[in-house]
Amino acid sequence: MKICFIVSEIFSFGKYGGFGKLVRDVGTELLKKGVDVYAATWRGEEQRKVEEVDGITVYSFPYNPLDPIYSHLSSYMESLPIYKAINADIYVSIELQISTYIAQKAEKKKKHVVWFQDPYDEQAYKDMGTVDKNYEWNFKRKMQFYATIGVLRHVCQKVDLFLTQAKTYTPTVKRLYKIRKEISFMPNPVKIYNENIRKSPEPTVCFLGRWDPQKRVELFLKLAKKFPHITFIALGKGHDTKVDTKLRKKYRKIKNLQMPGFVTEDEKHQILAKSWILINTSIREGLPISFLEAMAHKTAILSYVNPDKLASKFGYWARKEDFEQGLKQLLKDDLWVKKGKKGFEYVKKFHSINTVVKNFLHNLIETKD
């Protein structure tokens, strides 16, 4: 069987987002099972037209999100011969996108799958627009949004299988794209750590994510000042170097606050393993991989967003931005320990890489037949 993932990146060439990590993790496991794995992506810096990453053959085409619409169309059309060259049995789109339409045009007789990861509806843009003007819900945005929705509704009619990594997305995508087929739950995988999880003897909490507007990292940094007896570790950095530098300068005098920037996977593991609580301050999120990574380390969650009720089940849902109250409650009587253990059992059952890939492959084989 030959599978082609259609995705914005491949967790390489300077791009390290969740979509790319998903494809790289799942793709490498599929290779072990004898599946030929390809990917079609937007081209990153210093990325050639054809590369190989962990055995995955990666084709790329140029794309700049800041280009005008006609440039977008030109880039997408350039990708059409890529799908024909790959000649896969099944094309799996990581999120419904215009590239799904191009792949359908190129390979009409092949199977096409959409794996929803982070679908945006009207409310998502409204929420994002409160912290980032690039997402402002204005007339231009509305026209672009509804025009794209119209195209993608047509695309959905020819999709053979719909998957979603979070059950909370199902009503949203069914409404947006007028999907009448069943949408199967297919959770994202995460590495499960059965050993080497040693919590710090002192209260320790962490933040994991890019310091971009939607993440509202300032709320985490300010919280550190109110809890001097707790160690706060803010991982990540921002796309805007000026804003990033300004934030670090502003909060660097807080003695219990650490701001190490980007770290290696091993360093991230060590920090999550010793942290009691992961704090997520985003105004809007899908189901972030950081939740799953925290739960895989028996780390409780304190979050403003609550996808699939993970924060309320395995931590504290700060729906009123009451992070201070939530932190106090999780620390009281070591509630974070109980929540962390429950979260660990959950990801072990549903999100282990072996379980996810087995179920994913089973669904694809049924679709192919």
Protein backbone atom coordinates (compact mmCIF):
# COMPACT_ATOMS: atom_id res chain seq x y z
CA MET A 1 0.00 0.00 0.00
CA LYS A 2 1.21 3.48 -0.84
CA ILE A 3 -0.02 6.43 1.24
CA CYS A 4 0.55 10.14 0.59
CA PHE A 5 0.02 12.66 3.36
CA ILE A 6 -0.99 16.15 2.25
CA VAL A 7 0.27 18.52 4.92
CA SER A 8 1.63 22.04 5.35
CA GLU A 9 5.02 20.84 6.67
CA ILE A 10 6.99 17.74 7.66
CA PHE A 11 8.60 18.67 11.01
CA SER A 12 11.90 19.51 9.36
CA PHE A 13 13.54 22.22 7.25
CA GLY A 14 12.98 24.85 9.94
CA LYS A 15 9.27 24.09 10.48
CA TYR A 16 8.28 22.26 13.64
CA GLY A 17 4.51 22.44 14.03
CA GLY A 18 2.04 19.85 15.24
CA PHE A 19 0.78 18.81 11.80
CA GLY A 20 4.28 18.00 10.60
CA LYS A 21 5.09 16.08 13.77
CA LEU A 22 1.94 14.01 13.36
CA VAL A 23 2.89 12.98 9.82
CA ARG A 24 6.48 12.22 10.77
CA ASP A 25 5.47 10.14 13.80
CA VAL A 26 2.69 8.20 12.08
CA GLY A 27 4.61 7.92 8.81
CA THR A 28 7.69 6.33 10.38
CA GLU A 29 5.52 3.75 12.16
CA LEU A 30 3.68 2.93 8.93
CA LEU A 31 7.02 2.34 7.22
CA LYS A 32 7.81 -0.32 9.82
CA LYS A 33 4.61 -2.09 8.80
CA GLY A 34 5.64 -2.23 5.14
CA VAL A 35 3.63 0.76 3.92
CA ASP A 36 5.21 3.10 1.33
CA VAL A 37 4.86 6.61 2.78
CA TYR A 38 5.02 9.89 0.87
CA ALA A 39 4.19 13.47 1.77
CA ALA A 40 3.31 16.55 -0.28
CA THR A 41 4.05 19.81 1.55
CA TRP A 42 4.68 23.51 1.20
CA ARG A 43 8.38 24.08 0.63
CA GLY A 44 10.46 25.14 3.63
CA GLU A 45 13.75 27.00 3.63
CA GLU A 46 16.60 25.06 2.00
CA GLN A 47 14.15 22.29 1.14
CA ARG A 48 14.52 20.69 -2.28
CA LYS A 49 11.68 19.53 -4.49
CA VAL A 50 12.19 15.96 -3.34
CA GLU A 51 13.73 14.98 0.00
CA GLU A 52 13.74 11.98 2.29
CA VAL A 53 12.95 12.34 6.01
CA ASP A 54 13.14 9.22 8.18
CA GLY A 55 12.33 7.10 5.12
CA ILE A 56 9.35 9.28 4.11
CA THR A 57 9.68 10.62 0.54
CA VAL A 58 8.74 14.30 0.70
CA TYR A 59 7.67 16.29 -2.36
CA SER A 60 7.25 20.04 -1.96
CA PHE A 61 5.91 23.03 -3.84
CA PRO A 62 6.41 26.78 -3.22
CA TYR A 63 3.83 28.58 -1.13
CA ASN A 64 3.79 31.94 0.62
CA PRO A 65 0.70 32.72 2.74
CA LEU A 66 1.38 36.45 2.28
CA ASP A 67 1.18 36.26 -1.50
CA PRO A 68 -1.98 37.51 -3.28
CA ILE A 69 -4.68 35.03 -4.25
CA TYR A 70 -3.47 34.50 -7.83
CA SER A 71 -0.07 33.41 -6.51
CA HIS A 72 -1.79 30.90 -4.23
CA LEU A 73 -3.65 29.40 -7.19
CA SER A 74 -0.44 29.19 -9.20
CA SER A 75 1.34 27.40 -6.35
CA TYR A 76 -1.50 24.94 -5.87
CA MET A 77 -1.61 24.14 -9.58
CA GLU A 78 2.13 23.47 -9.48
CA SER A 79 1.40 20.74 -6.95
CA LEU A 80 -0.98 18.86 -9.26
CA PRO A 81 1.71 16.83 -11.12
CA ILE A 82 3.24 15.91 -7.73
CA TYR A 83 0.20 13.82 -6.80
CA LYS A 84 0.28 12.10 -10.18
CA ALA A 85 4.00 11.37 -9.79
CA ILE A 86 3.48 9.88 -6.33
CA ASN A 87 0.63 7.72 -7.61
CA ALA A 88 -0.52 6.72 -4.12
CA ASP A 89 -3.38 4.37 -3.32
CA ILE A 90 -4.70 6.73 -0.63
CA TYR A 91 -4.21 10.47 -0.13
CA VAL A 92 -4.59 11.64 3.47
CA SER A 93 -5.12 15.37 4.00
CA ILE A 94 -4.06 16.62 7.41
CA GLU A 95 -6.92 19.10 7.76
CA LEU A 96 -9.34 19.85 4.93
CA GLN A 97 -7.64 22.24 2.50
CA ILE A 98 -7.47 23.44 -1.09
CA SER A 99 -4.69 20.91 -1.67
CA THR A 100 -7.29 18.19 -1.02
CA TYR A 101 -9.20 19.52 -4.03
CA ILE A 102 -6.08 19.55 -6.22
CA ALA A 103 -5.25 15.97 -5.22
CA GLN A 104 -8.78 14.90 -6.09
CA LYS A 105 -8.42 16.51 -9.52
CA ALA A 106 -5.05 14.84 -10.10
CA GLU A 107 -6.05 11.39 -8.83
CA LYS A 108 -9.80 11.02 -9.39
CA LYS A 109 -9.86 7.24 -9.12
CA LYS A 110 -7.87 7.05 -5.89
CA LYS A 111 -9.14 7.16 -2.31
CA HIS A 112 -9.10 10.44 -0.40
CA VAL A 113 -9.16 10.83 3.39
CA VAL A 114 -9.40 13.94 5.57
CA TRP A 115 -8.02 13.89 9.12
CA PHE A 116 -9.37 16.97 10.92
CA GLN A 117 -6.83 18.52 13.28
CA ASP A 118 -7.78 22.12 13.99
CA PRO A 119 -10.78 23.36 11.94
CA TYR A 120 -11.55 27.07 12.12
CA ASP A 121 -15.14 28.28 12.29
CA GLU A 122 -16.49 31.80 12.64
CA GLN A 123 -16.05 31.87 16.41
CA ALA A 124 -12.44 30.78 16.10
CA TYR A 125 -11.64 33.83 13.97
CA LYS A 126 -13.55 36.10 16.34
CA ASP A 127 -11.60 34.77 19.32
CA MET A 128 -8.27 35.00 17.52
CA GLY A 129 -9.11 38.48 16.29
CA THR A 130 -9.20 39.76 19.88
CA VAL A 131 -5.45 39.14 20.23
CA ASP A 132 -4.16 39.14 16.64
CA LYS A 133 -5.30 41.64 13.99
CA ASN A 134 -4.32 39.20 11.24
CA TYR A 135 -7.42 37.18 12.18
CA GLU A 136 -9.82 40.10 12.49
CA TRP A 137 -13.36 39.07 11.56
CA ASN A 138 -13.89 41.88 9.03
CA PHE A 139 -15.61 42.01 5.64
CA LYS A 140 -12.54 40.78 3.73
CA ARG A 141 -12.09 37.87 6.13
CA LYS A 142 -15.75 36.90 5.90
CA MET A 143 -15.69 36.92 2.09
CA GLN A 144 -12.54 34.81 2.01
CA PHE A 145 -13.87 32.42 4.67
CA TYR A 146 -17.24 31.74 3.06
CA ALA A 147 -15.77 31.47 -0.45
CA THR A 148 -13.31 28.85 0.79
CA ILE A 149 -16.05 27.02 2.69
CA GLY A 150 -18.06 26.84 -0.55
CA VAL A 151 -15.19 25.15 -2.38
CA LEU A 152 -14.44 22.77 0.48
CA ARG A 153 -18.08 21.69 0.75
CA HIS A 154 -17.78 20.50 -2.84
CA VAL A 155 -14.51 18.74 -1.97
CA CYS A 156 -16.18 16.88 0.92
CA GLN A 157 -18.65 15.22 -1.43
CA LYS A 158 -15.77 13.21 -2.92
CA VAL A 159 -13.96 12.35 0.32
CA ASP A 160 -14.06 8.62 1.12
CA LEU A 161 -13.28 8.80 4.84
CA PHE A 162 -13.39 11.50 7.51
CA LEU A 163 -11.33 11.27 10.70
CA THR A 164 -11.03 13.69 13.61
CA GLN A 165 -8.44 13.88 16.36
CA ALA A 166 -10.97 15.46 18.76
CA LYS A 167 -14.63 14.58 19.17
CA THR A 168 -15.42 18.21 19.88
CA TYR A 169 -14.81 19.04 16.20
CA THR A 170 -17.54 16.77 14.82
CA PRO A 171 -20.55 19.11 15.12
CA THR A 172 -18.45 22.03 13.82
CA VAL A 173 -17.19 20.37 10.65
CA LYS A 174 -20.54 18.73 9.92
CA ARG A 175 -22.19 22.15 10.02
CA LEU A 176 -19.47 24.01 8.12
CA TYR A 177 -19.01 21.51 5.30
CA LYS A 178 -22.46 19.88 5.30
CA ILE A 179 -20.93 16.45 5.87
CA ARG A 180 -23.45 13.63 6.11
CA LYS A 181 -21.01 10.74 6.39
CA GLU A 182 -19.82 9.37 9.71
CA ILE A 183 -16.73 11.07 11.16
CA SER A 184 -14.52 8.58 12.98
CA PHE A 185 -12.53 9.44 16.10
CA MET A 186 -8.82 9.00 15.35
CA PRO A 187 -6.74 10.50 18.19
CA ASN A 188 -3.24 11.82 17.66
CA PRO A 189 -0.39 9.70 19.00
CA VAL A 190 1.96 10.58 21.83
CA LYS A 191 4.96 8.80 23.30
CA ILE A 192 4.03 7.15 26.59
CA TYR A 193 6.63 7.36 29.34
CA ASN A 194 6.19 4.44 31.74
CA GLU A 195 9.51 5.15 33.41
CA ASN A 196 11.76 8.13 34.14
CA ILE A 197 8.91 10.28 35.44
CA ARG A 198 10.23 11.89 38.60
CA LYS A 199 8.35 14.91 39.83
CA SER A 200 10.25 17.78 41.36
CA PRO A 201 10.10 17.82 45.19
CA GLU A 202 9.28 21.53 44.90
CA PRO A 203 6.15 22.89 43.16
CA THR A 204 6.96 23.29 39.44
CA VAL A 205 4.72 24.35 36.57
CA CYS A 206 5.44 24.89 32.89
CA PHE A 207 4.24 26.55 29.71
CA LEU A 208 4.83 24.86 26.35
CA GLY A 209 4.23 26.66 23.07
CA ARG A 210 5.18 29.49 20.77
CA TRP A 211 5.08 32.94 22.33
CA ASP A 212 2.65 34.21 19.71
CA PRO A 213 -0.44 36.40 20.33
CA GLN A 214 -3.00 33.59 20.62
CA LYS A 215 -0.92 31.85 23.31
CA ARG A 216 -1.07 34.86 25.67
CA VAL A 217 2.16 33.82 27.40
CA GLU A 218 2.07 37.08 29.39
CA LEU A 219 -0.65 35.57 31.59
CA PHE A 220 1.75 32.78 32.53
CA LEU A 221 4.65 35.16 33.12
CA LYS A 222 2.52 37.43 35.32
CA LEU A 223 1.29 34.43 37.30
CA ALA A 224 4.87 33.62 38.28
CA LYS A 225 5.12 36.89 40.19
CA LYS A 226 2.08 35.95 42.33
CA PHE A 227 3.49 32.56 43.35
CA PRO A 228 7.13 33.11 44.36
CA HIS A 229 7.30 29.69 46.04
CA ILE A 230 6.60 27.89 42.73
CA THR A 231 9.10 27.38 39.90
CA PHE A 232 7.69 28.55 36.56
CA ILE A 233 9.29 27.33 33.34
CA ALA A 234 8.20 29.01 30.07
CA LEU A 235 9.33 26.92 27.10
CA GLY A 236 9.25 28.23 23.54
CA LYS A 237 9.73 31.60 21.89
CA GLY A 238 7.85 33.90 19.52
CA HIS A 239 7.93 34.33 15.75
CA ASP A 240 8.37 38.07 16.31
CA THR A 241 11.88 38.42 17.74
CA LYS A 242 11.26 41.99 18.90
CA VAL A 243 8.19 41.03 20.91
CA ASP A 244 9.97 37.96 22.25
CA THR A 245 12.97 40.02 23.40
CA LYS A 246 10.72 42.63 24.98
CA LEU A 247 8.86 40.02 27.02
CA ARG A 248 12.04 38.39 28.28
CA LYS A 249 13.46 41.75 29.28
CA LYS A 250 10.27 42.73 31.08
CA TYR A 251 9.99 39.56 33.18
CA ARG A 252 13.63 38.50 33.60
CA LYS A 253 13.87 39.82 37.18
CA ILE A 254 11.30 37.32 38.47
CA LYS A 255 13.55 34.91 40.37
CA ASN A 256 11.26 31.87 40.20
CA LEU A 257 10.76 32.21 36.42
CA GLN A 258 12.87 30.35 33.86
CA MET A 259 12.68 31.16 30.14
CA PRO A 260 14.91 28.67 28.29
CA GLY A 261 13.40 29.21 24.82
CA PHE A 262 13.27 26.23 22.44
CA VAL A 263 14.66 23.01 23.87
CA THR A 264 15.44 19.54 22.53
CA GLU A 265 12.91 16.72 22.76
CA ASP A 266 14.95 15.17 25.58
CA GLU A 267 15.06 18.46 27.50
CA LYS A 268 11.32 18.89 27.01
CA HIS A 269 10.78 15.38 28.38
CA GLN A 270 12.85 16.18 31.46
CA ILE A 271 10.91 19.39 32.14
CA LEU A 272 7.49 17.76 31.69
CA ALA A 273 8.61 14.82 33.83
CA LYS A 274 9.40 17.08 36.79
CA SER A 275 6.52 19.54 36.30
CA TRP A 276 3.40 19.20 38.42
CA ILE A 277 1.12 21.21 36.13
CA LEU A 278 1.06 22.37 32.50
CA ILE A 279 -0.52 25.82 32.16
CA ASN A 280 -2.13 26.73 28.83
CA THR A 281 -3.24 30.36 28.51
CA SER A 282 -4.27 30.38 24.82
CA ILE A 283 -7.34 32.34 23.78
CA ARG A 284 -8.09 29.58 21.31
CA GLU A 285 -6.67 26.10 20.61
CA GLY A 286 -7.66 22.89 18.92
CA LEU A 287 -6.55 19.89 20.93
CA PRO A 288 -2.88 20.76 21.49
CA ILE A 289 -0.22 18.07 21.45
CA SER A 290 1.15 19.73 24.60
CA PHE A 291 -1.92 18.44 26.49
CA LEU A 292 -1.17 14.89 25.43
CA GLU A 293 2.55 15.26 26.15
CA ALA A 294 1.78 16.59 29.63
CA MET A 295 -0.66 13.78 30.37
CA ALA A 296 1.91 11.23 29.17
CA HIS A 297 4.16 12.59 31.96
CA LYS A 298 1.44 12.45 34.67
CA THR A 299 1.28 16.24 34.59
CA ALA A 300 -2.06 17.91 35.36
CA ILE A 301 -3.54 20.57 33.04
CA LEU A 302 -4.61 24.11 33.89
CA SER A 303 -6.16 25.69 30.81
CA TYR A 304 -8.54 28.35 29.48
CA VAL A 305 -9.54 26.03 26.60
CA ASN A 306 -11.12 22.67 27.27
CA PRO A 307 -11.16 20.51 24.09
CA ASP A 308 -12.86 17.15 24.65
CA LYS A 309 -13.11 18.25 28.31
CA LEU A 310 -9.48 17.23 28.90
CA ALA A 311 -8.72 20.22 31.14
CA SER A 312 -11.77 19.69 33.36
CA LYS A 313 -11.19 15.92 33.56
CA PHE A 314 -7.44 15.94 34.09
CA GLY A 315 -6.83 19.31 35.71
CA TYR A 316 -8.69 22.58 36.05
CA TRP A 317 -10.70 24.43 33.39
CA ALA A 318 -9.99 28.14 33.87
CA ARG A 319 -13.02 29.18 31.83
CA LYS A 320 -13.11 32.60 33.51
CA GLU A 321 -9.34 33.06 33.13
CA ASP A 322 -9.14 32.24 36.84
CA PHE A 323 -5.65 30.75 36.56
CA GLU A 324 -4.71 31.87 40.05
CA GLN A 325 -7.69 30.08 41.58
CA GLY A 326 -7.09 27.00 39.42
CA LEU A 327 -3.46 26.76 40.45
CA LYS A 328 -4.36 27.00 44.13
CA GLN A 329 -7.03 24.32 43.76
CA LEU A 330 -4.72 21.86 41.97
CA LEU A 331 -2.02 22.35 44.60
CA LYS A 332 -4.45 21.87 47.50
CA ASP A 333 -4.24 18.37 48.96
CA ASP A 334 -2.09 17.36 45.96
CA LEU A 335 -5.10 17.26 43.62
CA TRP A 336 -2.65 17.60 40.71
CA VAL A 337 -1.28 14.12 41.51
CA LYS A 338 -4.70 12.48 41.17
CA LYS A 339 -5.51 14.41 37.98
CA GLY A 340 -2.10 13.63 36.50
CA LYS A 341 -2.48 9.90 37.06
CA LYS A 342 -5.95 9.89 35.49
CA GLY A 343 -4.61 11.75 32.45
CA PHE A 344 -1.77 9.26 32.11
CA GLU A 345 -4.17 6.31 32.06
CA TYR A 346 -6.28 8.07 29.43
CA VAL A 347 -3.47 8.72 26.94
CA LYS A 348 -2.05 5.25 27.52
CA LYS A 349 -5.40 3.76 26.49
CA PHE A 350 -6.23 5.96 23.50
CA HIS A 351 -3.10 7.80 22.32
CA SER A 352 -0.19 5.35 22.32
CA ILE A 353 1.52 5.30 18.91
CA ASN A 354 0.94 1.56 18.44
CA THR A 355 -2.79 1.84 19.15
CA VAL A 356 -3.26 4.89 16.91
CA VAL A 357 -1.32 3.49 13.93
CA LYS A 358 -3.08 0.11 14.19
CA ASN A 359 -6.51 1.76 14.14
CA PHE A 360 -5.46 4.25 11.45
CA LEU A 361 -4.21 1.49 9.16
CA HIS A 362 -7.35 -0.58 9.78
CA ASN A 363 -9.53 2.36 8.69
CA LEU A 364 -7.43 2.94 5.55
CA ILE A 365 -7.54 -0.72 4.53
CA GLU A 366 -11.34 -0.74 4.87
CA THR A 367 -11.50 2.41 2.76
CA LYS A 368 -9.19 0.97 0.12
CA ASP A 369 -11.33 -2.15 -0.15
